[in-house]
Amino acid sequence: MESNENIHTEFARMLGRDAKEAQLGQKGHVFWFYGLSGSGKSTLANGIERSLVDQGRFVKLLDGDNIRSALNQDLGFSDLDRAENIRRISEVSRLFLDAGYIVLTSFICPKQAYRNQAKAIIGADDFTAIYAQASFEACAKRDVKGLYQKANSGTVKNFTGLDSSFEPPEATAQDWIINTELSSEAESVDSLVTKILPIVCNNH
């Protein structure tokens, strides 16, 4: 591995996050959606993005499939690759956070260790995990991408919830939980936006 001794960061000379937030009139924060495939996390993130932008907020949505189609196209779905996927997107999220943006991410992020990793990289004060809760059976019934059918036929390997485990939030976690089986999309979006707005309200 090459030495980092010749890397000289410029962070100290760069314009700080406070200046960016003052310019945008908001506080940056990362809202980290996770859950099974088909649980509704991307649907909620898209709805919340539109609602916040309509209210004049500056938002960046980072979606799992979009990221894997480009930045992380070299990664598979092994535990090591999943961990690297989350590490990279956490670093990207922090870049947008430093620019004062409200960041919405949508990733399966199946293990608590991955979510802890993301929280550590981004910073606990700037990170809110949101669990899109839905049973495996409900997600399989929706099968919006046809992945459950492919997984059952054996054409998709390491499928979360089938042959790769998914860990719901720990009892001690402070994650927000939104049950997408019990609430409609509109109800869920409205509920979450109501909780998000006080966090991103500018204090300058």
C-alpha atoms as a PDB file:
ATOM      1  CA  MET A   1       0.000   0.000   0.000  1.00  0.00           C
ATOM      2  CA  GLU A   2       1.316   3.447  -0.883  1.00  0.00           C
ATOM      3  CA  SER A   3       2.166   5.822   1.958  1.00  0.00           C
ATOM      4  CA  ASN A   4      -0.121   8.758   2.757  1.00  0.00           C
ATOM      5  CA  GLU A   5       2.793  10.893   3.958  1.00  0.00           C
ATOM      6  CA  ASN A   6       2.630  13.063   0.847  1.00  0.00           C
ATOM      7  CA  ILE A   7      -1.077  13.879   1.292  1.00  0.00           C
ATOM      8  CA  HIS A   8      -1.634  17.359   2.693  1.00  0.00           C
ATOM      9  CA  THR A   9      -5.313  18.092   3.264  1.00  0.00           C
ATOM     10  CA  GLU A  10      -6.823  21.527   2.676  1.00  0.00           C
ATOM     11  CA  PHE A  11      -9.717  21.240   5.113  1.00  0.00           C
ATOM     12  CA  ALA A  12      -8.443  23.989   7.411  1.00  0.00           C
ATOM     13  CA  ARG A  13      -8.324  26.579   4.595  1.00  0.00           C
ATOM     14  CA  MET A  14     -11.670  25.706   3.018  1.00  0.00           C
ATOM     15  CA  LEU A  15     -14.890  27.615   3.606  1.00  0.00           C
ATOM     16  CA  GLY A  16     -16.694  25.972   6.497  1.00  0.00           C
ATOM     17  CA  ARG A  17     -20.043  24.239   6.631  1.00  0.00           C
ATOM     18  CA  ASP A  18     -21.591  27.043   8.680  1.00  0.00           C
ATOM     19  CA  ALA A  19     -21.113  29.469   5.801  1.00  0.00           C
ATOM     20  CA  LYS A  20     -22.768  27.055   3.380  1.00  0.00           C
ATOM     21  CA  GLU A  21     -25.727  26.483   5.702  1.00  0.00           C
ATOM     22  CA  ALA A  22     -26.165  30.232   6.166  1.00  0.00           C
ATOM     23  CA  GLN A  23     -26.204  30.678   2.393  1.00  0.00           C
ATOM     24  CA  LEU A  24     -28.784  27.917   1.901  1.00  0.00           C
ATOM     25  CA  GLY A  25     -30.900  28.898   4.894  1.00  0.00           C
ATOM     26  CA  GLN A  26     -30.994  25.416   6.397  1.00  0.00           C
ATOM     27  CA  LYS A  27     -29.028  22.934   8.478  1.00  0.00           C
ATOM     28  CA  GLY A  28     -27.499  19.936   6.766  1.00  0.00           C
ATOM     29  CA  HIS A  29     -28.442  16.471   7.985  1.00  0.00           C
ATOM     30  CA  VAL A  30     -28.346  12.883   6.688  1.00  0.00           C
ATOM     31  CA  PHE A  31     -31.530  10.812   6.842  1.00  0.00           C
ATOM     32  CA  TRP A  32     -30.527   7.200   6.235  1.00  0.00           C
ATOM     33  CA  PHE A  33     -33.415   5.037   4.948  1.00  0.00           C
ATOM     34  CA  TYR A  34     -32.918   1.288   5.140  1.00  0.00           C
ATOM     35  CA  GLY A  35     -35.038  -1.852   4.867  1.00  0.00           C
ATOM     36  CA  LEU A  36     -35.749  -4.886   2.739  1.00  0.00           C
ATOM     37  CA  SER A  37     -36.025  -4.627  -1.032  1.00  0.00           C
ATOM     38  CA  GLY A  38     -39.563  -3.461  -1.715  1.00  0.00           C
ATOM     39  CA  SER A  39     -40.118  -2.088   1.793  1.00  0.00           C
ATOM     40  CA  GLY A  40     -40.840   1.379   0.417  1.00  0.00           C
ATOM     41  CA  LYS A  41     -37.660   3.203   1.424  1.00  0.00           C
ATOM     42  CA  SER A  42     -36.971   4.630  -2.059  1.00  0.00           C
ATOM     43  CA  THR A  43     -40.616   5.595  -2.486  1.00  0.00           C
ATOM     44  CA  LEU A  44     -40.561   7.466   0.814  1.00  0.00           C
ATOM     45  CA  ALA A  45     -37.226   9.140   0.077  1.00  0.00           C
ATOM     46  CA  ASN A  46     -38.490  10.321  -3.318  1.00  0.00           C
ATOM     47  CA  GLY A  47     -41.692  11.676  -1.806  1.00  0.00           C
ATOM     48  CA  ILE A  48     -39.837  13.479   0.955  1.00  0.00           C
ATOM     49  CA  GLU A  49     -37.338  14.956  -1.500  1.00  0.00           C
ATOM     50  CA  ARG A  50     -40.154  16.443  -3.575  1.00  0.00           C
ATOM     51  CA  SER A  51     -41.919  17.794  -0.504  1.00  0.00           C
ATOM     52  CA  LEU A  52     -38.793  19.443   0.883  1.00  0.00           C
ATOM     53  CA  VAL A  53     -37.753  20.904  -2.474  1.00  0.00           C
ATOM     54  CA  ASP A  54     -41.270  22.321  -2.902  1.00  0.00           C
ATOM     55  CA  GLN A  55     -40.657  24.112   0.402  1.00  0.00           C
ATOM     56  CA  GLY A  56     -37.419  25.623  -0.855  1.00  0.00           C
ATOM     57  CA  ARG A  57     -34.998  23.187   0.765  1.00  0.00           C
ATOM     58  CA  PHE A  58     -31.793  21.958  -0.866  1.00  0.00           C
ATOM     59  CA  VAL A  59     -31.799  18.163  -0.945  1.00  0.00           C
ATOM     60  CA  LYS A  60     -29.659  15.382  -2.402  1.00  0.00           C
ATOM     61  CA  LEU A  61     -31.138  11.897  -2.750  1.00  0.00           C
ATOM     62  CA  LEU A  62     -28.672   9.001  -2.988  1.00  0.00           C
ATOM     63  CA  ASP A  63     -30.354   5.772  -4.083  1.00  0.00           C
ATOM     64  CA  GLY A  64     -28.781   2.334  -3.812  1.00  0.00           C
ATOM     65  CA  ASP A  65     -29.435   1.129  -7.353  1.00  0.00           C
ATOM     66  CA  ASN A  66     -28.328   4.451  -8.828  1.00  0.00           C
ATOM     67  CA  ILE A  67     -25.066   4.364  -6.889  1.00  0.00           C
ATOM     68  CA  ARG A  68     -24.391   0.738  -7.836  1.00  0.00           C
ATOM     69  CA  SER A  69     -24.969   1.550 -11.516  1.00  0.00           C
ATOM     70  CA  ALA A  70     -22.020   3.964 -11.540  1.00  0.00           C
ATOM     71  CA  LEU A  71     -19.827   4.825  -8.551  1.00  0.00           C
ATOM     72  CA  ASN A  72     -20.045   1.357  -7.001  1.00  0.00           C
ATOM     73  CA  GLN A  73     -20.525  -0.751 -10.114  1.00  0.00           C
ATOM     74  CA  ASP A  74     -17.400  -2.726  -9.204  1.00  0.00           C
ATOM     75  CA  LEU A  75     -19.000  -4.087  -6.012  1.00  0.00           C
ATOM     76  CA  GLY A  76     -21.030  -7.253  -5.556  1.00  0.00           C
ATOM     77  CA  PHE A  77     -23.219  -8.355  -2.660  1.00  0.00           C
ATOM     78  CA  SER A  78     -20.828 -10.232  -0.408  1.00  0.00           C
ATOM     79  CA  ASP A  79     -20.511  -8.974   3.156  1.00  0.00           C
ATOM     80  CA  LEU A  80     -17.213  -7.285   2.306  1.00  0.00           C
ATOM     81  CA  ASP A  81     -18.634  -5.593  -0.773  1.00  0.00           C
ATOM     82  CA  ARG A  82     -21.746  -4.471   1.083  1.00  0.00           C
ATOM     83  CA  ALA A  83     -19.567  -2.926   3.787  1.00  0.00           C
ATOM     84  CA  GLU A  84     -17.491  -1.090   1.174  1.00  0.00           C
ATOM     85  CA  ASN A  85     -20.671   0.055  -0.576  1.00  0.00           C
ATOM     86  CA  ILE A  86     -21.866   1.639   2.663  1.00  0.00           C
ATOM     87  CA  ARG A  87     -18.452   3.131   3.442  1.00  0.00           C
ATOM     88  CA  ARG A  88     -18.290   4.883   0.085  1.00  0.00           C
ATOM     89  CA  ILE A  89     -21.821   6.233   0.205  1.00  0.00           C
ATOM     90  CA  SER A  90     -21.262   7.432   3.768  1.00  0.00           C
ATOM     91  CA  GLU A  91     -18.284   9.446   2.569  1.00  0.00           C
ATOM     92  CA  VAL A  92     -20.324  10.855  -0.335  1.00  0.00           C
ATOM     93  CA  SER A  93     -23.112  11.734   2.090  1.00  0.00           C
ATOM     94  CA  ARG A  94     -20.643  13.600   4.264  1.00  0.00           C
ATOM     95  CA  LEU A  95     -19.473  15.645   1.274  1.00  0.00           C
ATOM     96  CA  PHE A  96     -23.030  16.841   0.623  1.00  0.00           C
ATOM     97  CA  LEU A  97     -23.530  17.379   4.359  1.00  0.00           C
ATOM     98  CA  ASP A  98     -20.454  19.618   4.456  1.00  0.00           C
ATOM     99  CA  ALA A  99     -22.033  21.651   1.648  1.00  0.00           C
ATOM    100  CA  GLY A 100     -25.109  22.236   3.833  1.00  0.00           C
ATOM    101  CA  TYR A 101     -27.439  19.835   2.052  1.00  0.00           C
ATOM    102  CA  ILE A 102     -30.200  17.681   3.448  1.00  0.00           C
ATOM    103  CA  VAL A 103     -29.178  14.194   2.359  1.00  0.00           C
ATOM    104  CA  LEU A 104     -31.617  11.327   1.896  1.00  0.00           C
ATOM    105  CA  THR A 105     -30.114   7.897   1.305  1.00  0.00           C
ATOM    106  CA  SER A 106     -31.940   4.703   0.361  1.00  0.00           C
ATOM    107  CA  PHE A 107     -29.996   1.464   0.866  1.00  0.00           C
ATOM    108  CA  ILE A 108     -30.954  -1.986   2.118  1.00  0.00           C
ATOM    109  CA  CYS A 109     -28.071  -1.708   4.615  1.00  0.00           C
ATOM    110  CA  PRO A 110     -29.000  -5.059   6.188  1.00  0.00           C
ATOM    111  CA  LYS A 111     -26.623  -5.237   9.161  1.00  0.00           C
ATOM    112  CA  GLN A 112     -26.454  -3.075  12.263  1.00  0.00           C
ATOM    113  CA  ALA A 113     -22.673  -2.953  11.838  1.00  0.00           C
ATOM    114  CA  TYR A 114     -23.081  -1.234   8.459  1.00  0.00           C
ATOM    115  CA  ARG A 115     -25.436   1.341   9.951  1.00  0.00           C
ATOM    116  CA  ASN A 116     -23.052   1.926  12.834  1.00  0.00           C
ATOM    117  CA  GLN A 117     -20.272   2.406  10.296  1.00  0.00           C
ATOM    118  CA  ALA A 118     -22.301   5.001   8.396  1.00  0.00           C
ATOM    119  CA  LYS A 119     -23.168   6.813  11.620  1.00  0.00           C
ATOM    120  CA  ALA A 120     -19.514   6.888  12.667  1.00  0.00           C
ATOM    121  CA  ILE A 121     -18.362   8.319   9.315  1.00  0.00           C
ATOM    122  CA  ILE A 122     -21.120  10.915   9.052  1.00  0.00           C
ATOM    123  CA  GLY A 123     -21.281  11.818  12.745  1.00  0.00           C
ATOM    124  CA  ALA A 124     -23.982  10.921  15.246  1.00  0.00           C
ATOM    125  CA  ASP A 125     -25.329  14.480  15.521  1.00  0.00           C
ATOM    126  CA  ASP A 126     -25.870  14.677  11.752  1.00  0.00           C
ATOM    127  CA  PHE A 127     -27.298  11.190  11.224  1.00  0.00           C
ATOM    128  CA  THR A 128     -30.836   9.848  11.571  1.00  0.00           C
ATOM    129  CA  ALA A 129     -31.552   6.236  10.580  1.00  0.00           C
ATOM    130  CA  ILE A 130     -35.062   5.521   9.308  1.00  0.00           C
ATOM    131  CA  TYR A 131     -36.235   1.912   9.100  1.00  0.00           C
ATOM    132  CA  ALA A 132     -38.854   1.249   6.412  1.00  0.00           C
ATOM    133  CA  GLN A 133     -40.501  -1.694   8.143  1.00  0.00           C
ATOM    134  CA  ALA A 134     -42.300  -4.328   6.106  1.00  0.00           C
ATOM    135  CA  SER A 135     -42.335  -8.096   6.377  1.00  0.00           C
ATOM    136  CA  PHE A 136     -40.485 -10.280   3.909  1.00  0.00           C
ATOM    137  CA  GLU A 137     -43.870 -11.673   2.816  1.00  0.00           C
ATOM    138  CA  ALA A 138     -45.299  -8.215   2.126  1.00  0.00           C
ATOM    139  CA  CYS A 139     -42.202  -7.168   0.170  1.00  0.00           C
ATOM    140  CA  ALA A 140     -42.280 -10.409  -1.821  1.00  0.00           C
ATOM    141  CA  LYS A 141     -45.928  -9.792  -2.663  1.00  0.00           C
ATOM    142  CA  ARG A 142     -45.131  -6.304  -3.917  1.00  0.00           C
ATOM    143  CA  ASP A 143     -41.979  -7.475  -5.767  1.00  0.00           C
ATOM    144  CA  VAL A 144     -41.808  -4.131  -7.558  1.00  0.00           C
ATOM    145  CA  LYS A 145     -38.500  -4.992  -9.270  1.00  0.00           C
ATOM    146  CA  GLY A 146     -39.156  -8.696  -9.854  1.00  0.00           C
ATOM    147  CA  LEU A 147     -36.236  -9.565  -7.585  1.00  0.00           C
ATOM    148  CA  TYR A 148     -38.096 -11.905  -5.255  1.00  0.00           C
ATOM    149  CA  GLN A 149     -39.196 -14.041  -8.184  1.00  0.00           C
ATOM    150  CA  LYS A 150     -35.608 -14.163  -9.451  1.00  0.00           C
ATOM    151  CA  ALA A 151     -34.298 -14.994  -5.977  1.00  0.00           C
ATOM    152  CA  ASN A 152     -36.766 -17.850  -5.577  1.00  0.00           C
ATOM    153  CA  SER A 153     -35.696 -19.244  -8.946  1.00  0.00           C
ATOM    154  CA  GLY A 154     -32.040 -19.044  -7.934  1.00  0.00           C
ATOM    155  CA  THR A 155     -30.979 -16.438 -10.504  1.00  0.00           C
ATOM    156  CA  VAL A 156     -30.229 -13.819  -7.833  1.00  0.00           C
ATOM    157  CA  LYS A 157     -27.705 -14.804  -5.166  1.00  0.00           C
ATOM    158  CA  ASN A 158     -27.103 -13.363  -1.681  1.00  0.00           C
ATOM    159  CA  PHE A 159     -30.627 -11.965  -1.650  1.00  0.00           C
ATOM    160  CA  THR A 160     -31.391 -10.106   1.566  1.00  0.00           C
ATOM    161  CA  GLY A 161     -33.997 -11.814   3.707  1.00  0.00           C
ATOM    162  CA  LEU A 162     -33.706 -15.130   1.852  1.00  0.00           C
ATOM    163  CA  ASP A 163     -30.113 -16.376   1.773  1.00  0.00           C
ATOM    164  CA  SER A 164     -28.521 -13.250   3.257  1.00  0.00           C
ATOM    165  CA  SER A 165     -29.707 -12.027   6.641  1.00  0.00           C
ATOM    166  CA  PHE A 166     -31.355  -8.724   7.495  1.00  0.00           C
ATOM    167  CA  GLU A 167     -31.016  -7.280  10.979  1.00  0.00           C
ATOM    168  CA  PRO A 168     -33.828  -4.986  12.158  1.00  0.00           C
ATOM    169  CA  PRO A 169     -32.864  -2.089  14.440  1.00  0.00           C
ATOM    170  CA  GLU A 170     -31.618  -3.013  17.878  1.00  0.00           C
ATOM    171  CA  ALA A 171     -33.891  -2.302  20.829  1.00  0.00           C
ATOM    172  CA  THR A 172     -31.492   0.376  22.035  1.00  0.00           C
ATOM    173  CA  ALA A 173     -31.257   2.103  18.653  1.00  0.00           C
ATOM    174  CA  GLN A 174     -32.868   5.511  18.279  1.00  0.00           C
ATOM    175  CA  ASP A 175     -33.888   4.813  14.689  1.00  0.00           C
ATOM    176  CA  TRP A 176     -37.172   6.159  13.417  1.00  0.00           C
ATOM    177  CA  ILE A 177     -39.463   3.328  12.366  1.00  0.00           C
ATOM    178  CA  ILE A 178     -42.145   3.742   9.711  1.00  0.00           C
ATOM    179  CA  ASN A 179     -44.337   0.719   9.028  1.00  0.00           C
ATOM    180  CA  THR A 180     -45.181   0.810   5.324  1.00  0.00           C
ATOM    181  CA  GLU A 181     -47.732  -1.971   5.695  1.00  0.00           C
ATOM    182  CA  LEU A 182     -49.870   0.070   8.093  1.00  0.00           C
ATOM    183  CA  SER A 183     -49.562   3.569   6.626  1.00  0.00           C
ATOM    184  CA  SER A 184     -50.094   4.864   3.111  1.00  0.00           C
ATOM    185  CA  GLU A 185     -47.298   6.522   1.163  1.00  0.00           C
ATOM    186  CA  ALA A 186     -48.843   9.975   1.635  1.00  0.00           C
ATOM    187  CA  GLU A 187     -49.339   9.448   5.370  1.00  0.00           C
ATOM    188  CA  SER A 188     -45.786   8.205   5.815  1.00  0.00           C
ATOM    189  CA  VAL A 189     -44.252  11.069   3.833  1.00  0.00           C
ATOM    190  CA  ASP A 190     -46.253  13.700   5.715  1.00  0.00           C
ATOM    191  CA  SER A 191     -45.351  12.153   9.060  1.00  0.00           C
ATOM    192  CA  LEU A 192     -41.643  12.054   8.262  1.00  0.00           C
ATOM    193  CA  VAL A 193     -41.496  15.562   6.780  1.00  0.00           C
ATOM    194  CA  THR A 194     -43.107  16.871   9.971  1.00  0.00           C
ATOM    195  CA  LYS A 195     -40.278  15.270  11.968  1.00  0.00           C
ATOM    196  CA  ILE A 196     -37.536  16.313   9.543  1.00  0.00           C
ATOM    197  CA  LEU A 197     -38.321  20.035   9.310  1.00  0.00           C
ATOM    198  CA  PRO A 198     -37.408  20.969  12.920  1.00  0.00           C
ATOM    199  CA  ILE A 199     -34.032  19.253  12.477  1.00  0.00           C
ATOM    200  CA  VAL A 200     -33.107  21.134   9.306  1.00  0.00           C
ATOM    201  CA  CYS A 201     -34.479  24.500  10.409  1.00  0.00           C
ATOM    202  CA  ASN A 202     -31.713  27.105  10.166  1.00  0.00           C
ATOM    203  CA  ASN A 203     -30.501  28.511  13.458  1.00  0.00           C
ATOM    204  CA  HIS A 204     -28.271  31.208  12.000  1.00  0.00           C
END
